[in-house]
Amino acid sequence: MKYIPLSQSLYIENRKKFVTHLKPKSIAIFNSNDEMPFKGDQTFKFTQHPDLLWLSGIDQEQSTLVLFPDSPLPQYREILFVRKTNEHIAIWEGHKYSQAEAQEASGIKTVLWNDAFESVVPMLMHHAEYCYLNINENDRHAWNVPYKDLRFANEWTQRFPTHKFERSGPL
């Protein structure tokens, strides 16, 4: 852990505020930042995407937050996907959240491993009309390599062409 964890009540309140700005039948998806390679077998120090951190308190790579307040399945109104860990990962990369630890840190009851994302979120998309995605909107940002949120947005707008995609940044 990089710093002393804050109370989950902060993140619960932040999510409550955020979803009040969503259009009806909207799903919002927030991805963690990419891990940036340093050498063949190393990465630079990971920095979490600030919006995902603000909404969940989760400071771990390969994490995704899905908010769908109008989900017909109540357990899928807030979902946090985290990387499945094991002893080998802990030795080489450090401690990663267990599902229970991620629940405790974020206040999100439904915490699933990343491998469940492809079975859960596309199914939820069929119940949504709008999809809010997080794209870097800083006018001073110049990038040559597509970052994770941009790759994700490109893939999902192709996968779900009849949905209406919105920017989460202004909210």
N, C-alpha and C. Protein backbone atom coordinates (compact mmCIF):
# COMPACT_ATOMS: atom_id res chain seq x y z
N MET A 1 0.84 -1.17 0.00
CA MET A 1 0.00 0.00 0.00
C MET A 1 0.89 1.24 0.00
N LYS A 2 0.55 2.21 -0.83
CA LYS A 2 1.37 3.40 -0.97
C LYS A 2 1.10 4.44 0.11
N TYR A 3 -0.08 4.40 0.70
CA TYR A 3 -0.46 5.41 1.68
C TYR A 3 -1.53 4.85 2.60
N ILE A 4 -1.83 5.57 3.64
CA ILE A 4 -2.86 5.13 4.59
C ILE A 4 -4.21 5.17 3.90
N PRO A 5 -4.95 4.05 3.91
CA PRO A 5 -6.25 4.03 3.23
C PRO A 5 -7.25 4.97 3.89
N LEU A 6 -8.10 5.55 3.08
CA LEU A 6 -9.17 6.40 3.57
C LEU A 6 -10.42 5.55 3.80
N SER A 7 -11.38 6.11 4.48
CA SER A 7 -12.62 5.39 4.77
C SER A 7 -13.38 5.11 3.48
N GLN A 8 -13.95 3.91 3.39
CA GLN A 8 -14.76 3.56 2.24
C GLN A 8 -15.95 4.49 2.07
N SER A 9 -16.37 5.15 3.14
CA SER A 9 -17.53 6.06 3.03
C SER A 9 -17.26 7.21 2.06
N LEU A 10 -16.01 7.62 1.93
CA LEU A 10 -15.66 8.66 0.96
C LEU A 10 -15.94 8.18 -0.45
N TYR A 11 -15.53 6.96 -0.78
CA TYR A 11 -15.71 6.43 -2.13
C TYR A 11 -17.17 6.11 -2.41
N ILE A 12 -17.88 5.64 -1.40
CA ILE A 12 -19.32 5.39 -1.55
C ILE A 12 -20.03 6.70 -1.88
N GLU A 13 -19.70 7.75 -1.16
CA GLU A 13 -20.30 9.07 -1.41
C GLU A 13 -19.92 9.60 -2.79
N ASN A 14 -18.68 9.43 -3.20
CA ASN A 14 -18.24 9.88 -4.52
C ASN A 14 -19.02 9.18 -5.63
N ARG A 15 -19.25 7.87 -5.48
CA ARG A 15 -20.03 7.13 -6.49
C ARG A 15 -21.47 7.60 -6.51
N LYS A 16 -22.04 7.84 -5.32
CA LYS A 16 -23.43 8.34 -5.26
C LYS A 16 -23.56 9.66 -6.00
N LYS A 17 -22.60 10.55 -5.79
CA LYS A 17 -22.62 11.85 -6.48
C LYS A 17 -22.50 11.67 -7.99
N PHE A 18 -21.57 10.82 -8.39
CA PHE A 18 -21.33 10.63 -9.82
C PHE A 18 -22.57 10.10 -10.53
N VAL A 19 -23.19 9.05 -10.00
CA VAL A 19 -24.31 8.42 -10.72
C VAL A 19 -25.54 9.31 -10.81
N THR A 20 -25.64 10.33 -9.97
CA THR A 20 -26.78 11.24 -10.09
C THR A 20 -26.73 12.04 -11.39
N HIS A 21 -25.57 12.11 -12.01
CA HIS A 21 -25.41 12.87 -13.27
C HIS A 21 -25.58 12.01 -14.51
N LEU A 22 -25.73 10.71 -14.35
CA LEU A 22 -25.89 9.82 -15.50
C LEU A 22 -27.30 9.91 -16.07
N LYS A 23 -27.39 9.74 -17.36
CA LYS A 23 -28.70 9.64 -18.01
C LYS A 23 -29.32 8.30 -17.62
N PRO A 24 -30.65 8.18 -17.71
CA PRO A 24 -31.28 6.88 -17.39
C PRO A 24 -30.74 5.78 -18.30
N LYS A 25 -30.68 4.56 -17.76
CA LYS A 25 -30.20 3.37 -18.47
C LYS A 25 -28.75 3.54 -18.94
N SER A 26 -27.93 4.10 -18.05
CA SER A 26 -26.52 4.33 -18.37
C SER A 26 -25.61 3.41 -17.57
N ILE A 27 -24.55 3.00 -18.24
CA ILE A 27 -23.48 2.24 -17.60
C ILE A 27 -22.21 3.07 -17.76
N ALA A 28 -21.38 3.10 -16.74
CA ALA A 28 -20.11 3.83 -16.79
C ALA A 28 -18.99 2.85 -16.48
N ILE A 29 -17.93 2.92 -17.29
CA ILE A 29 -16.82 1.97 -17.14
C ILE A 29 -15.52 2.75 -16.97
N PHE A 30 -14.79 2.43 -15.90
CA PHE A 30 -13.51 3.08 -15.59
C PHE A 30 -12.42 2.03 -15.51
N ASN A 31 -11.39 2.19 -16.32
CA ASN A 31 -10.25 1.27 -16.33
C ASN A 31 -9.08 1.88 -15.59
N SER A 32 -8.27 1.00 -15.00
CA SER A 32 -7.03 1.47 -14.41
C SER A 32 -6.07 1.86 -15.53
N ASN A 33 -5.07 2.63 -15.18
CA ASN A 33 -4.04 3.01 -16.15
C ASN A 33 -3.28 1.78 -16.61
N ASP A 34 -2.61 1.94 -17.75
CA ASP A 34 -1.70 0.90 -18.23
C ASP A 34 -0.51 0.77 -17.29
N GLU A 35 0.06 -0.41 -17.29
CA GLU A 35 1.36 -0.60 -16.67
C GLU A 35 2.38 -0.28 -17.75
N MET A 36 3.31 0.59 -17.45
CA MET A 36 4.26 1.04 -18.46
C MET A 36 5.56 0.23 -18.37
N PRO A 37 5.93 -0.44 -19.48
CA PRO A 37 7.15 -1.25 -19.45
C PRO A 37 8.41 -0.40 -19.31
N PHE A 38 9.34 -0.92 -18.54
CA PHE A 38 10.61 -0.24 -18.31
C PHE A 38 11.74 -1.00 -19.00
N LYS A 39 11.78 -2.28 -18.76
CA LYS A 39 12.73 -3.18 -19.40
C LYS A 39 11.96 -4.44 -19.76
N GLY A 40 12.64 -5.43 -20.26
CA GLY A 40 11.96 -6.65 -20.67
C GLY A 40 11.13 -7.30 -19.58
N ASP A 41 11.56 -7.18 -18.34
CA ASP A 41 10.84 -7.85 -17.26
C ASP A 41 10.49 -6.90 -16.11
N GLN A 42 10.41 -5.60 -16.40
CA GLN A 42 10.08 -4.63 -15.35
C GLN A 42 9.08 -3.60 -15.89
N THR A 43 8.41 -2.94 -14.96
CA THR A 43 7.54 -1.83 -15.32
C THR A 43 7.91 -0.63 -14.45
N PHE A 44 7.54 0.55 -14.92
CA PHE A 44 7.69 1.74 -14.10
C PHE A 44 6.72 1.64 -12.93
N LYS A 45 6.94 2.45 -11.91
CA LYS A 45 6.02 2.50 -10.77
C LYS A 45 4.62 2.82 -11.27
N PHE A 46 3.65 2.04 -10.85
CA PHE A 46 2.28 2.19 -11.31
C PHE A 46 1.61 3.40 -10.66
N THR A 47 0.88 4.15 -11.46
CA THR A 47 0.06 5.26 -10.97
C THR A 47 -1.37 5.02 -11.44
N GLN A 48 -2.29 4.96 -10.49
CA GLN A 48 -3.68 4.68 -10.81
C GLN A 48 -4.34 5.86 -11.52
N HIS A 49 -5.31 5.55 -12.37
CA HIS A 49 -6.11 6.60 -13.00
C HIS A 49 -6.86 7.33 -11.89
N PRO A 50 -6.76 8.66 -11.84
CA PRO A 50 -7.35 9.38 -10.71
C PRO A 50 -8.87 9.23 -10.58
N ASP A 51 -9.59 9.07 -11.69
CA ASP A 51 -11.04 8.93 -11.60
C ASP A 51 -11.42 7.58 -10.98
N LEU A 52 -10.72 6.52 -11.37
CA LEU A 52 -10.99 5.22 -10.77
C LEU A 52 -10.64 5.24 -9.28
N LEU A 53 -9.55 5.88 -8.95
CA LEU A 53 -9.15 5.98 -7.54
C LEU A 53 -10.17 6.79 -6.75
N TRP A 54 -10.65 7.90 -7.31
CA TRP A 54 -11.62 8.77 -6.64
C TRP A 54 -12.96 8.05 -6.39
N LEU A 55 -13.32 7.17 -7.31
CA LEU A 55 -14.60 6.47 -7.20
C LEU A 55 -14.53 5.17 -6.39
N SER A 56 -13.33 4.59 -6.27
CA SER A 56 -13.26 3.27 -5.64
C SER A 56 -12.23 3.15 -4.51
N GLY A 57 -11.21 3.98 -4.53
CA GLY A 57 -10.13 3.84 -3.55
C GLY A 57 -9.17 2.73 -3.89
N ILE A 58 -9.33 2.10 -5.04
CA ILE A 58 -8.48 0.98 -5.44
C ILE A 58 -7.28 1.50 -6.22
N ASP A 59 -6.11 1.24 -5.67
CA ASP A 59 -4.86 1.67 -6.30
C ASP A 59 -4.08 0.43 -6.72
N GLN A 60 -4.60 -0.23 -7.74
CA GLN A 60 -3.98 -1.46 -8.22
C GLN A 60 -4.18 -1.57 -9.72
N GLU A 61 -3.14 -1.99 -10.41
CA GLU A 61 -3.21 -2.17 -11.86
C GLU A 61 -4.23 -3.26 -12.20
N GLN A 62 -4.65 -3.24 -13.47
CA GLN A 62 -5.59 -4.23 -14.00
C GLN A 62 -6.90 -4.27 -13.19
N SER A 63 -7.42 -3.10 -12.87
CA SER A 63 -8.70 -3.00 -12.16
C SER A 63 -9.69 -2.25 -13.05
N THR A 64 -10.96 -2.60 -12.92
CA THR A 64 -12.02 -1.94 -13.68
C THR A 64 -13.22 -1.75 -12.78
N LEU A 65 -13.80 -0.56 -12.84
CA LEU A 65 -15.01 -0.24 -12.09
C LEU A 65 -16.15 -0.06 -13.07
N VAL A 66 -17.27 -0.71 -12.79
CA VAL A 66 -18.47 -0.59 -13.63
C VAL A 66 -19.60 -0.10 -12.73
N LEU A 67 -20.23 1.00 -13.14
CA LEU A 67 -21.38 1.56 -12.42
C LEU A 67 -22.58 1.52 -13.35
N PHE A 68 -23.65 0.88 -12.91
CA PHE A 68 -24.87 0.74 -13.71
C PHE A 68 -26.05 0.84 -12.75
N PRO A 69 -26.42 2.08 -12.33
CA PRO A 69 -27.45 2.23 -11.30
C PRO A 69 -28.82 1.68 -11.69
N ASP A 70 -29.10 1.55 -12.99
CA ASP A 70 -30.40 1.02 -13.44
C ASP A 70 -30.33 -0.46 -13.81
N SER A 71 -29.30 -1.14 -13.40
CA SER A 71 -29.17 -2.56 -13.74
C SER A 71 -30.39 -3.33 -13.23
N PRO A 72 -30.95 -4.20 -14.06
CA PRO A 72 -32.07 -5.01 -13.59
C PRO A 72 -31.64 -6.04 -12.55
N LEU A 73 -30.33 -6.28 -12.46
CA LEU A 73 -29.79 -7.20 -11.46
C LEU A 73 -29.08 -6.36 -10.39
N PRO A 74 -29.66 -6.21 -9.21
CA PRO A 74 -29.11 -5.32 -8.19
C PRO A 74 -27.64 -5.57 -7.85
N GLN A 75 -27.19 -6.81 -7.90
CA GLN A 75 -25.81 -7.10 -7.57
C GLN A 75 -24.83 -6.53 -8.60
N TYR A 76 -25.34 -6.10 -9.75
CA TYR A 76 -24.49 -5.54 -10.79
C TYR A 76 -24.64 -4.03 -10.95
N ARG A 77 -25.12 -3.35 -9.93
CA ARG A 77 -25.21 -1.89 -10.00
C ARG A 77 -23.85 -1.24 -9.75
N GLU A 78 -23.02 -1.89 -9.00
CA GLU A 78 -21.63 -1.49 -8.79
C GLU A 78 -20.79 -2.76 -8.82
N ILE A 79 -19.83 -2.81 -9.72
CA ILE A 79 -18.97 -3.98 -9.82
C ILE A 79 -17.52 -3.51 -9.90
N LEU A 80 -16.69 -4.16 -9.15
CA LEU A 80 -15.26 -3.90 -9.23
C LEU A 80 -14.59 -5.19 -9.68
N PHE A 81 -13.81 -5.09 -10.74
CA PHE A 81 -13.05 -6.23 -11.25
C PHE A 81 -11.58 -6.00 -10.88
N VAL A 82 -10.98 -6.99 -10.27
CA VAL A 82 -9.57 -6.90 -9.88
C VAL A 82 -8.81 -8.13 -10.37
N ARG A 83 -7.53 -7.97 -10.43
CA ARG A 83 -6.64 -9.04 -10.88
C ARG A 83 -6.59 -10.15 -9.85
N LYS A 84 -6.78 -11.37 -10.32
CA LYS A 84 -6.67 -12.52 -9.42
C LYS A 84 -5.21 -12.69 -9.03
N THR A 85 -4.98 -12.87 -7.77
CA THR A 85 -3.62 -12.94 -7.27
C THR A 85 -3.29 -14.34 -6.75
N ASN A 86 -2.03 -14.54 -6.49
CA ASN A 86 -1.57 -15.80 -5.90
C ASN A 86 -0.22 -15.54 -5.22
N GLU A 87 0.35 -16.57 -4.62
CA GLU A 87 1.61 -16.40 -3.89
C GLU A 87 2.76 -15.98 -4.82
N HIS A 88 2.78 -16.51 -6.02
CA HIS A 88 3.83 -16.18 -6.98
C HIS A 88 3.80 -14.68 -7.32
N ILE A 89 2.62 -14.16 -7.58
CA ILE A 89 2.46 -12.73 -7.88
C ILE A 89 2.89 -11.90 -6.67
N ALA A 90 2.49 -12.32 -5.49
CA ALA A 90 2.84 -11.57 -4.28
C ALA A 90 4.35 -11.50 -4.09
N ILE A 91 5.05 -12.57 -4.39
CA ILE A 91 6.51 -12.58 -4.24
C ILE A 91 7.16 -11.62 -5.22
N TRP A 92 6.75 -11.67 -6.48
CA TRP A 92 7.44 -10.91 -7.53
C TRP A 92 6.91 -9.49 -7.71
N GLU A 93 5.64 -9.27 -7.42
CA GLU A 93 5.05 -7.95 -7.68
C GLU A 93 4.52 -7.26 -6.44
N GLY A 94 4.45 -7.96 -5.34
CA GLY A 94 3.89 -7.38 -4.12
C GLY A 94 2.45 -7.79 -3.91
N HIS A 95 1.94 -7.43 -2.77
CA HIS A 95 0.58 -7.79 -2.38
C HIS A 95 -0.44 -7.18 -3.34
N LYS A 96 -1.45 -7.95 -3.68
CA LYS A 96 -2.59 -7.50 -4.47
C LYS A 96 -3.85 -7.73 -3.64
N TYR A 97 -4.89 -6.96 -3.93
CA TYR A 97 -6.14 -7.10 -3.19
C TYR A 97 -6.75 -8.48 -3.36
N SER A 98 -7.22 -9.04 -2.27
CA SER A 98 -8.14 -10.17 -2.36
C SER A 98 -9.52 -9.54 -2.63
N GLN A 99 -10.49 -10.36 -2.94
CA GLN A 99 -11.84 -9.82 -3.16
C GLN A 99 -12.36 -9.17 -1.88
N ALA A 100 -12.13 -9.78 -0.74
CA ALA A 100 -12.60 -9.23 0.53
C ALA A 100 -11.91 -7.90 0.84
N GLU A 101 -10.61 -7.82 0.58
CA GLU A 101 -9.87 -6.57 0.82
C GLU A 101 -10.36 -5.45 -0.11
N ALA A 102 -10.66 -5.79 -1.34
CA ALA A 102 -11.17 -4.79 -2.29
C ALA A 102 -12.56 -4.31 -1.85
N GLN A 103 -13.38 -5.23 -1.34
CA GLN A 103 -14.70 -4.84 -0.82
C GLN A 103 -14.55 -3.89 0.35
N GLU A 104 -13.65 -4.21 1.25
CA GLU A 104 -13.42 -3.39 2.44
C GLU A 104 -12.90 -2.00 2.07
N ALA A 105 -11.98 -1.93 1.13
CA ALA A 105 -11.39 -0.64 0.74
C ALA A 105 -12.38 0.24 0.00
N SER A 106 -13.20 -0.35 -0.87
CA SER A 106 -14.05 0.44 -1.76
C SER A 106 -15.49 0.60 -1.29
N GLY A 107 -15.96 -0.33 -0.50
CA GLY A 107 -17.38 -0.34 -0.13
C GLY A 107 -18.26 -0.93 -1.22
N ILE A 108 -17.65 -1.55 -2.22
CA ILE A 108 -18.39 -2.19 -3.31
C ILE A 108 -18.60 -3.65 -2.94
N LYS A 109 -19.85 -4.10 -2.94
CA LYS A 109 -20.16 -5.46 -2.51
C LYS A 109 -19.78 -6.51 -3.56
N THR A 110 -19.96 -6.18 -4.84
CA THR A 110 -19.67 -7.15 -5.90
C THR A 110 -18.27 -6.91 -6.44
N VAL A 111 -17.34 -7.73 -6.00
CA VAL A 111 -15.96 -7.69 -6.46
C VAL A 111 -15.67 -9.03 -7.14
N LEU A 112 -15.32 -8.96 -8.41
CA LEU A 112 -15.06 -10.17 -9.20
C LEU A 112 -13.65 -10.14 -9.74
N TRP A 113 -13.16 -11.31 -10.11
CA TRP A 113 -11.86 -11.37 -10.77
C TRP A 113 -12.02 -10.88 -12.21
N ASN A 114 -10.94 -10.40 -12.78
CA ASN A 114 -10.96 -9.85 -14.15
C ASN A 114 -11.50 -10.82 -15.19
N ASP A 115 -11.29 -12.10 -14.98
CA ASP A 115 -11.73 -13.06 -16.01
C ASP A 115 -13.26 -13.12 -16.12
N ALA A 116 -13.99 -12.54 -15.19
CA ALA A 116 -15.45 -12.51 -15.26
C ALA A 116 -15.96 -11.32 -16.07
N PHE A 117 -15.10 -10.36 -16.38
CA PHE A 117 -15.52 -9.14 -17.08
C PHE A 117 -16.25 -9.45 -18.39
N GLU A 118 -15.67 -10.32 -19.21
CA GLU A 118 -16.25 -10.61 -20.53
C GLU A 118 -17.56 -11.37 -20.48
N SER A 119 -17.87 -11.99 -19.38
CA SER A 119 -19.17 -12.67 -19.28
C SER A 119 -20.23 -11.77 -18.64
N VAL A 120 -19.81 -10.80 -17.85
CA VAL A 120 -20.78 -9.97 -17.12
C VAL A 120 -21.09 -8.67 -17.86
N VAL A 121 -20.09 -7.90 -18.22
CA VAL A 121 -20.33 -6.54 -18.73
C VAL A 121 -21.01 -6.53 -20.10
N PRO A 122 -20.62 -7.36 -21.08
CA PRO A 122 -21.38 -7.36 -22.34
C PRO A 122 -22.86 -7.71 -22.14
N MET A 123 -23.16 -8.60 -21.20
CA MET A 123 -24.55 -8.92 -20.90
C MET A 123 -25.27 -7.69 -20.34
N LEU A 124 -24.60 -6.92 -19.49
CA LEU A 124 -25.22 -5.71 -18.94
C LEU A 124 -25.42 -4.65 -20.02
N MET A 125 -24.52 -4.60 -20.99
CA MET A 125 -24.65 -3.61 -22.06
C MET A 125 -25.98 -3.76 -22.81
N HIS A 126 -26.52 -4.96 -22.85
CA HIS A 126 -27.80 -5.17 -23.53
C HIS A 126 -28.97 -4.55 -22.78
N HIS A 127 -28.74 -4.15 -21.53
CA HIS A 127 -29.77 -3.49 -20.74
C HIS A 127 -29.53 -1.98 -20.63
N ALA A 128 -28.46 -1.52 -21.23
CA ALA A 128 -28.10 -0.10 -21.16
C ALA A 128 -28.36 0.57 -22.50
N GLU A 129 -28.62 1.86 -22.45
CA GLU A 129 -28.77 2.66 -23.66
C GLU A 129 -27.54 3.54 -23.86
N TYR A 130 -27.00 4.03 -22.75
CA TYR A 130 -25.82 4.91 -22.79
C TYR A 130 -24.64 4.20 -22.12
N CYS A 131 -23.46 4.53 -22.61
CA CYS A 131 -22.24 4.00 -21.99
C CYS A 131 -21.27 5.16 -21.83
N TYR A 132 -20.93 5.45 -20.58
CA TYR A 132 -19.97 6.52 -20.28
C TYR A 132 -18.57 5.93 -20.20
N LEU A 133 -17.67 6.53 -20.97
CA LEU A 133 -16.28 6.08 -20.98
C LEU A 133 -15.37 7.23 -20.58
N ASN A 134 -14.23 6.86 -20.06
CA ASN A 134 -13.28 7.83 -19.54
C ASN A 134 -12.13 8.00 -20.54
N ILE A 135 -12.05 9.15 -21.17
CA ILE A 135 -11.01 9.44 -22.16
C ILE A 135 -10.22 10.65 -21.66
N ASN A 136 -8.91 10.63 -21.90
CA ASN A 136 -8.08 11.77 -21.51
C ASN A 136 -8.49 12.99 -22.34
N GLU A 137 -9.01 14.01 -21.69
CA GLU A 137 -9.48 15.19 -22.39
C GLU A 137 -8.61 16.41 -22.14
N ASN A 138 -7.39 16.20 -21.70
CA ASN A 138 -6.48 17.30 -21.46
C ASN A 138 -5.97 17.81 -22.80
N ASP A 139 -6.22 19.09 -23.11
CA ASP A 139 -5.84 19.62 -24.42
C ASP A 139 -4.32 19.74 -24.59
N ARG A 140 -3.57 19.60 -23.52
CA ARG A 140 -2.11 19.64 -23.63
C ARG A 140 -1.52 18.24 -23.76
N HIS A 141 -2.35 17.22 -23.72
CA HIS A 141 -1.87 15.85 -23.78
C HIS A 141 -1.64 15.46 -25.24
N ALA A 142 -0.44 15.08 -25.56
CA ALA A 142 -0.11 14.58 -26.90
C ALA A 142 0.41 13.16 -26.74
N TRP A 143 -0.24 12.21 -27.40
CA TRP A 143 0.17 10.83 -27.26
C TRP A 143 0.37 10.22 -28.64
N ASN A 144 1.34 9.34 -28.72
CA ASN A 144 1.60 8.62 -29.95
C ASN A 144 1.10 7.18 -29.88
N VAL A 145 1.06 6.64 -28.66
CA VAL A 145 0.63 5.27 -28.44
C VAL A 145 -0.75 5.31 -27.78
N PRO A 146 -1.73 4.61 -28.34
CA PRO A 146 -3.06 4.61 -27.71
C PRO A 146 -3.01 4.02 -26.29
N TYR A 147 -3.53 4.75 -25.34
CA TYR A 147 -3.55 4.30 -23.95
C TYR A 147 -4.78 3.43 -23.71
N LYS A 148 -4.85 2.80 -22.54
CA LYS A 148 -5.86 1.78 -22.26
C LYS A 148 -7.29 2.27 -22.48
N ASP A 149 -7.63 3.44 -21.95
CA ASP A 149 -9.01 3.93 -22.10
C ASP A 149 -9.36 4.17 -23.56
N LEU A 150 -8.42 4.66 -24.34
CA LEU A 150 -8.68 4.90 -25.76
C LEU A 150 -8.83 3.58 -26.52
N ARG A 151 -7.99 2.61 -26.23
CA ARG A 151 -8.13 1.30 -26.86
C ARG A 151 -9.48 0.68 -26.50
N PHE A 152 -9.85 0.79 -25.23
CA PHE A 152 -11.13 0.24 -24.77
C PHE A 152 -12.30 0.93 -25.47
N ALA A 153 -12.26 2.26 -25.55
CA ALA A 153 -13.34 3.01 -26.21
C ALA A 153 -13.46 2.61 -27.68
N ASN A 154 -12.35 2.49 -28.36
CA ASN A 154 -12.38 2.09 -29.77
C ASN A 154 -13.00 0.71 -29.94
N GLU A 155 -12.62 -0.22 -29.07
CA GLU A 155 -13.16 -1.58 -29.15
C GLU A 155 -14.65 -1.61 -28.86
N TRP A 156 -15.08 -0.90 -27.80
CA TRP A 156 -16.48 -1.01 -27.39
C TRP A 156 -17.43 -0.23 -28.30
N THR A 157 -16.98 0.85 -28.89
CA THR A 157 -17.86 1.54 -29.85
C THR A 157 -18.05 0.68 -31.10
N GLN A 158 -17.08 -0.14 -31.43
CA GLN A 158 -17.23 -1.08 -32.55
C GLN A 158 -18.11 -2.27 -32.16
N ARG A 159 -17.93 -2.74 -30.95
CA ARG A 159 -18.68 -3.90 -30.47
C ARG A 159 -20.16 -3.61 -30.26
N PHE A 160 -20.45 -2.39 -29.83
CA PHE A 160 -21.83 -2.00 -29.51
C PHE A 160 -22.19 -0.73 -30.29
N PRO A 161 -22.29 -0.82 -31.60
CA PRO A 161 -22.47 0.38 -32.42
C PRO A 161 -23.81 1.09 -32.25
N THR A 162 -24.81 0.41 -31.71
CA THR A 162 -26.12 1.05 -31.56
C THR A 162 -26.29 1.74 -30.20
N HIS A 163 -25.29 1.64 -29.34
CA HIS A 163 -25.33 2.34 -28.06
C HIS A 163 -24.89 3.79 -28.24
N LYS A 164 -25.29 4.61 -27.31
CA LYS A 164 -24.86 6.01 -27.31
C LYS A 164 -23.73 6.15 -26.30
N PHE A 165 -22.58 6.56 -26.79
CA PHE A 165 -21.41 6.70 -25.92
C PHE A 165 -21.26 8.15 -25.48
N GLU A 166 -20.96 8.32 -24.20
CA GLU A 166 -20.84 9.62 -23.59
C GLU A 166 -19.48 9.75 -22.92
N ARG A 167 -19.09 10.98 -22.64
CA ARG A 167 -17.84 11.27 -21.93
C ARG A 167 -18.11 11.37 -20.45
N SER A 168 -17.35 10.63 -19.65
CA SER A 168 -17.53 10.72 -18.20
C SER A 168 -16.81 11.92 -17.61
N GLY A 169 -15.81 12.43 -18.31
CA GLY A 169 -14.99 13.54 -17.81
C GLY A 169 -15.79 14.74 -17.32
N PRO A 170 -16.73 15.25 -18.12
CA PRO A 170 -17.48 16.43 -17.66
C PRO A 170 -18.31 16.19 -16.41
N LEU A 171 -18.65 14.95 -16.12
CA LEU A 171 -19.47 14.67 -14.94
C LEU A 171 -18.64 14.77 -13.68
